[in-house]
Amino acid sequence: MKKLVLSLMMGALALGSMEAQAYSPRSALQGSYNMLVNEVYPSNDYERLCKQRLIQLVPRIIGGANANMTLPVTKGNTALHYAMSLGYQDLISDLLACGADPYYRNHKGKTPIDCIGNDYDGSIRRMVNDYGRPATPSYSGGTTIRQRLSGCLTTVQNMYPANDTMRLYCTRLKTLLPIIINGGDANTTLPITKGNTALHYACGLGYYELVQLLLEAGANPRLRTHKGASPSDCASGANAARIRNLLNRY
């Protein structure tokens, strides 16, 4: 009898865990994103652009990136800006549940609320009011890390290494760091980086402070490039030993 009760309890716990996973905010966001992708492209040029931007941003959020992330091409607009513009209520609701801030301002100072379209019955505004403003920044590490990463980016921008390889590392960091600073995944790679993350390049430069901040922001020290190199393998310069020790601690 005890075994039966224990078995039932374990089954209930497993079912509860499965349900929690099935109905997590990011799982729900995947569902609304699938609906977006399968819809016919709008005939309006602006609405087509909004959908294209959502297809760029939402998969990153589903994968764990900050819900308020932007890309250089989006000019400060988040996924919520674009979803609000299109009036996609399911997508808006799921983005809000993932921590998207309806008061986040783009480069022109507009919030997602300012972009609301197709809200004839006021239901989107009511939805925003129900969620309110996120109590804390959802960006991993908070504003302090973002500001410190911005300082490191400025340092990188002012570097002019004589070595071609080091110059390439600086160039790649100038591309990757703004994505991370704006809420992107700290492990972001691009086709041109061939599997190298910002952490690989920071290690290659021997930039200890940047390595430390990237780790605090969620960079994975075990990710390997397309050629199989880890960040530790890339460590160089006078700080190489310190960097390897730091990576090992993570």
Protein backbone atom coordinates (compact mmCIF):
# COMPACT_ATOMS: atom_id res chain seq x y z
CA MET A 1 0.00 0.00 0.00
CA LYS A 2 2.83 2.40 0.89
CA LYS A 3 4.50 1.65 -2.41
CA LEU A 4 1.26 2.42 -4.25
CA VAL A 5 0.82 5.75 -2.44
CA LEU A 6 4.44 6.67 -3.08
CA SER A 7 4.07 5.76 -6.75
CA LEU A 8 0.96 7.93 -7.08
CA MET A 9 2.69 10.84 -5.36
CA MET A 10 5.69 10.57 -7.68
CA GLY A 11 3.36 10.40 -10.66
CA ALA A 12 1.52 13.53 -9.52
CA LEU A 13 4.79 15.39 -9.04
CA ALA A 14 5.99 14.37 -12.49
CA LEU A 15 2.68 15.42 -14.04
CA GLY A 16 2.85 18.76 -12.24
CA SER A 17 6.38 19.27 -13.50
CA MET A 18 5.31 18.43 -17.05
CA GLU A 19 2.38 20.83 -16.85
CA ALA A 20 4.60 23.61 -15.49
CA GLN A 21 6.99 23.04 -18.36
CA ALA A 22 4.21 22.85 -20.92
CA TYR A 23 2.66 26.11 -19.79
CA SER A 24 5.84 28.11 -19.18
CA PRO A 25 5.80 31.65 -20.65
CA ARG A 26 8.43 30.80 -23.26
CA SER A 27 6.58 27.65 -24.31
CA ALA A 28 3.43 29.72 -24.75
CA LEU A 29 5.46 32.28 -26.71
CA GLN A 30 6.59 29.49 -29.04
CA GLY A 31 2.95 28.72 -29.79
CA SER A 32 2.01 32.30 -30.62
CA TYR A 33 5.20 32.65 -32.67
CA ASN A 34 4.29 29.57 -34.72
CA MET A 35 0.92 31.14 -35.48
CA LEU A 36 2.65 34.36 -36.57
CA VAL A 37 5.00 32.50 -38.91
CA ASN A 38 2.20 30.50 -40.51
CA GLU A 39 0.06 33.55 -41.24
CA VAL A 40 0.08 35.05 -44.72
CA TYR A 41 2.44 38.03 -45.00
CA PRO A 42 0.58 41.39 -44.74
CA SER A 43 0.19 43.40 -47.94
CA ASN A 44 1.17 46.62 -46.12
CA ASP A 45 4.92 47.34 -46.33
CA TYR A 46 5.18 48.53 -42.71
CA GLU A 47 3.29 45.50 -41.38
CA ARG A 48 5.52 43.19 -43.43
CA LEU A 49 8.57 44.84 -41.87
CA CYS A 50 7.10 44.39 -38.38
CA LYS A 51 6.57 40.68 -39.05
CA GLN A 52 10.12 40.29 -40.38
CA ARG A 53 11.53 41.92 -37.26
CA LEU A 54 9.43 39.66 -35.03
CA ILE A 55 10.80 36.63 -36.86
CA GLN A 56 14.30 37.92 -36.04
CA LEU A 57 13.65 38.74 -32.38
CA VAL A 58 11.13 36.25 -30.97
CA PRO A 59 13.17 33.05 -31.53
CA ARG A 60 16.00 34.61 -29.51
CA ILE A 61 13.59 35.36 -26.65
CA ILE A 62 12.20 31.81 -26.80
CA GLY A 63 15.80 30.61 -26.58
CA GLY A 64 16.34 32.53 -23.33
CA ALA A 65 17.31 36.06 -24.39
CA ASN A 66 15.92 39.10 -22.60
CA ALA A 67 12.37 39.93 -23.70
CA ASN A 68 13.42 43.57 -24.22
CA MET A 69 16.37 42.77 -26.47
CA THR A 70 16.95 44.83 -29.59
CA LEU A 71 19.27 44.47 -32.58
CA PRO A 72 21.15 47.24 -34.41
CA VAL A 73 18.70 46.92 -37.30
CA THR A 74 15.64 47.41 -35.05
CA LYS A 75 16.76 50.88 -33.89
CA GLY A 76 15.75 50.33 -30.28
CA ASN A 77 12.44 48.64 -31.08
CA THR A 78 11.72 45.47 -29.12
CA ALA A 79 9.52 42.55 -30.16
CA LEU A 80 6.75 44.14 -28.14
CA HIS A 81 6.94 47.34 -30.22
CA TYR A 82 6.34 45.30 -33.38
CA ALA A 83 3.68 43.04 -31.85
CA MET A 84 1.81 46.11 -30.57
CA SER A 85 2.00 47.74 -34.02
CA LEU A 86 0.38 44.66 -35.57
CA GLY A 87 -2.15 44.22 -32.77
CA TYR A 88 -1.28 40.52 -32.29
CA GLN A 89 -2.94 40.01 -28.92
CA ASP A 90 -1.74 36.45 -28.20
CA LEU A 91 1.83 37.39 -29.01
CA ILE A 92 1.57 40.57 -26.94
CA SER A 93 0.22 38.64 -23.96
CA ASP A 94 2.99 36.05 -24.16
CA LEU A 95 5.73 38.68 -24.52
CA LEU A 96 4.39 40.52 -21.48
CA ALA A 97 4.40 37.23 -19.55
CA CYS A 98 8.09 36.80 -20.51
CA GLY A 99 8.94 40.20 -19.02
CA ALA A 100 8.62 42.53 -22.02
CA ASP A 101 8.35 46.13 -20.82
CA PRO A 102 5.50 48.14 -22.41
CA TYR A 103 7.33 51.33 -21.33
CA TYR A 104 10.66 50.51 -23.00
CA ARG A 105 11.62 53.41 -25.31
CA ASN A 106 13.14 53.00 -28.77
CA HIS A 107 15.73 55.38 -30.25
CA LYS A 108 12.98 57.87 -31.07
CA GLY A 109 11.59 57.74 -27.53
CA LYS A 110 8.47 55.72 -28.41
CA THR A 111 7.22 52.96 -26.12
CA PRO A 112 5.32 49.86 -27.32
CA ILE A 113 2.16 51.50 -25.98
CA ASP A 114 2.74 54.40 -28.38
CA CYS A 115 2.78 51.88 -31.25
CA ILE A 116 -0.52 50.11 -30.51
CA GLY A 117 -2.51 49.38 -33.64
CA ASN A 118 -5.74 47.47 -34.42
CA ASP A 119 -7.04 47.96 -30.87
CA TYR A 120 -10.58 49.00 -31.71
CA ASP A 121 -12.11 47.72 -28.47
CA GLY A 122 -9.27 48.80 -26.18
CA SER A 123 -8.45 45.21 -25.17
CA ILE A 124 -4.70 45.60 -25.74
CA ARG A 125 -4.50 48.65 -23.48
CA ARG A 126 -6.46 46.80 -20.82
CA MET A 127 -4.03 43.88 -21.14
CA VAL A 128 -1.07 46.22 -20.61
CA ASN A 129 -2.75 47.75 -17.56
CA ASP A 130 -3.31 44.27 -16.11
CA TYR A 131 0.36 43.36 -16.44
CA GLY A 132 1.74 46.75 -15.40
CA ARG A 133 5.43 47.49 -15.59
CA PRO A 134 7.95 44.74 -14.73
CA ALA A 135 9.12 45.27 -11.14
CA THR A 136 12.77 44.48 -11.95
CA PRO A 137 14.82 44.44 -15.12
CA SER A 138 14.69 40.96 -16.69
CA TYR A 139 18.11 41.44 -18.29
CA SER A 140 20.52 38.95 -16.74
CA GLY A 141 22.78 40.77 -14.34
CA GLY A 142 20.75 43.99 -14.27
CA THR A 143 21.63 47.49 -15.39
CA THR A 144 25.05 47.54 -13.69
CA ILE A 145 26.50 44.81 -15.89
CA ARG A 146 24.99 46.42 -18.97
CA GLN A 147 26.62 49.75 -18.14
CA ARG A 148 29.97 48.11 -17.41
CA LEU A 149 29.80 46.16 -20.67
CA SER A 150 29.14 49.47 -22.43
CA GLY A 151 32.33 50.81 -20.87
CA CYS A 152 34.26 47.78 -22.12
CA LEU A 153 32.80 48.31 -25.59
CA THR A 154 34.12 51.87 -25.55
CA THR A 155 37.55 50.54 -24.59
CA VAL A 156 37.45 48.02 -27.45
CA GLN A 157 36.41 50.75 -29.88
CA ASN A 158 39.49 52.72 -28.86
CA MET A 159 41.86 49.80 -29.33
CA TYR A 160 44.09 49.80 -32.41
CA PRO A 161 46.16 46.60 -32.23
CA ALA A 162 49.06 46.18 -34.65
CA ASN A 163 48.35 42.45 -34.91
CA ASP A 164 45.83 41.49 -37.62
CA THR A 165 44.27 38.77 -35.47
CA MET A 166 43.74 41.14 -32.54
CA ARG A 167 42.19 43.71 -34.88
CA LEU A 168 39.76 41.06 -36.07
CA TYR A 169 38.84 40.23 -32.45
CA CYS A 170 38.09 43.91 -31.81
CA THR A 171 35.96 44.12 -34.95
CA ARG A 172 33.92 41.08 -33.94
CA LEU A 173 33.41 42.44 -30.41
CA LYS A 174 32.16 45.72 -31.85
CA THR A 175 29.44 43.66 -33.55
CA LEU A 176 28.58 41.23 -30.74
CA LEU A 177 28.78 43.41 -27.62
CA PRO A 178 26.01 45.86 -28.68
CA ILE A 179 23.68 42.87 -29.13
CA ILE A 180 24.43 41.64 -25.61
CA ILE A 181 24.27 45.14 -24.10
CA ASN A 182 20.79 45.56 -25.61
CA GLY A 183 19.55 42.38 -23.93
CA GLY A 184 20.70 39.70 -26.38
CA ASP A 185 22.01 36.32 -25.35
CA ALA A 186 25.59 36.48 -24.02
CA ASN A 187 26.35 33.40 -26.15
CA THR A 188 25.24 35.01 -29.41
CA THR A 189 27.14 33.98 -32.52
CA LEU A 190 26.73 35.15 -36.10
CA PRO A 191 27.49 33.31 -39.36
CA ILE A 192 30.60 35.46 -39.79
CA THR A 193 31.96 34.54 -36.33
CA LYS A 194 32.06 30.79 -37.13
CA GLY A 195 30.88 29.74 -33.68
CA ASN A 196 33.00 32.25 -31.78
CA THR A 197 31.15 34.12 -29.03
CA ALA A 198 32.11 37.45 -27.49
CA LEU A 199 33.77 35.43 -24.72
CA HIS A 200 36.10 33.73 -27.22
CA TYR A 201 37.18 37.12 -28.58
CA ALA A 202 37.56 38.69 -25.13
CA CYS A 203 39.79 35.78 -24.11
CA GLY A 204 41.76 36.17 -27.33
CA LEU A 205 42.41 39.81 -26.48
CA GLY A 206 43.38 38.91 -22.92
CA TYR A 207 40.75 41.40 -21.70
CA TYR A 208 40.19 40.04 -18.17
CA GLU A 209 37.49 42.51 -17.05
CA LEU A 210 35.41 41.87 -20.16
CA VAL A 211 35.74 38.10 -19.71
CA GLN A 212 34.51 38.44 -16.13
CA LEU A 213 31.52 40.60 -17.10
CA LEU A 214 30.51 38.29 -19.94
CA LEU A 215 30.57 35.33 -17.57
CA GLU A 216 28.39 37.25 -15.10
CA ALA A 217 26.00 38.05 -17.97
CA GLY A 218 25.59 34.34 -18.72
CA ALA A 219 28.35 33.55 -21.23
CA ASN A 220 29.09 29.81 -21.35
CA PRO A 221 32.83 29.07 -20.91
CA ARG A 222 32.38 25.59 -22.43
CA LEU A 223 30.97 26.58 -25.80
CA ARG A 224 33.21 25.59 -28.69
CA THR A 225 33.73 27.21 -32.07
CA HIS A 226 33.13 25.42 -35.35
CA LYS A 227 36.78 24.28 -35.14
CA GLY A 228 36.31 22.98 -31.57
CA ALA A 229 38.08 25.76 -29.66
CA SER A 230 36.83 26.73 -26.21
CA PRO A 231 37.24 30.23 -24.73
CA SER A 232 40.05 28.82 -22.56
CA ASP A 233 41.86 27.66 -25.69
CA CYS A 234 41.72 31.23 -27.02
CA ALA A 235 43.14 32.92 -23.93
CA SER A 236 46.30 34.87 -24.72
CA GLY A 237 48.46 37.74 -23.52
CA ALA A 238 49.72 38.58 -20.04
CA ASN A 239 46.32 37.73 -18.48
CA ALA A 240 45.99 34.29 -20.10
CA ALA A 241 46.64 32.31 -16.90
CA ARG A 242 44.26 34.48 -14.84
CA ILE A 243 41.57 34.15 -17.51
CA ARG A 244 41.91 30.36 -17.61
CA ASN A 245 41.61 30.19 -13.83
CA LEU A 246 38.51 32.37 -13.98
CA LEU A 247 36.96 30.20 -16.68
CA ASN A 248 37.69 27.06 -14.68
CA ARG A 249 35.84 28.49 -11.67
CA TYR A 250 32.73 28.85 -13.84
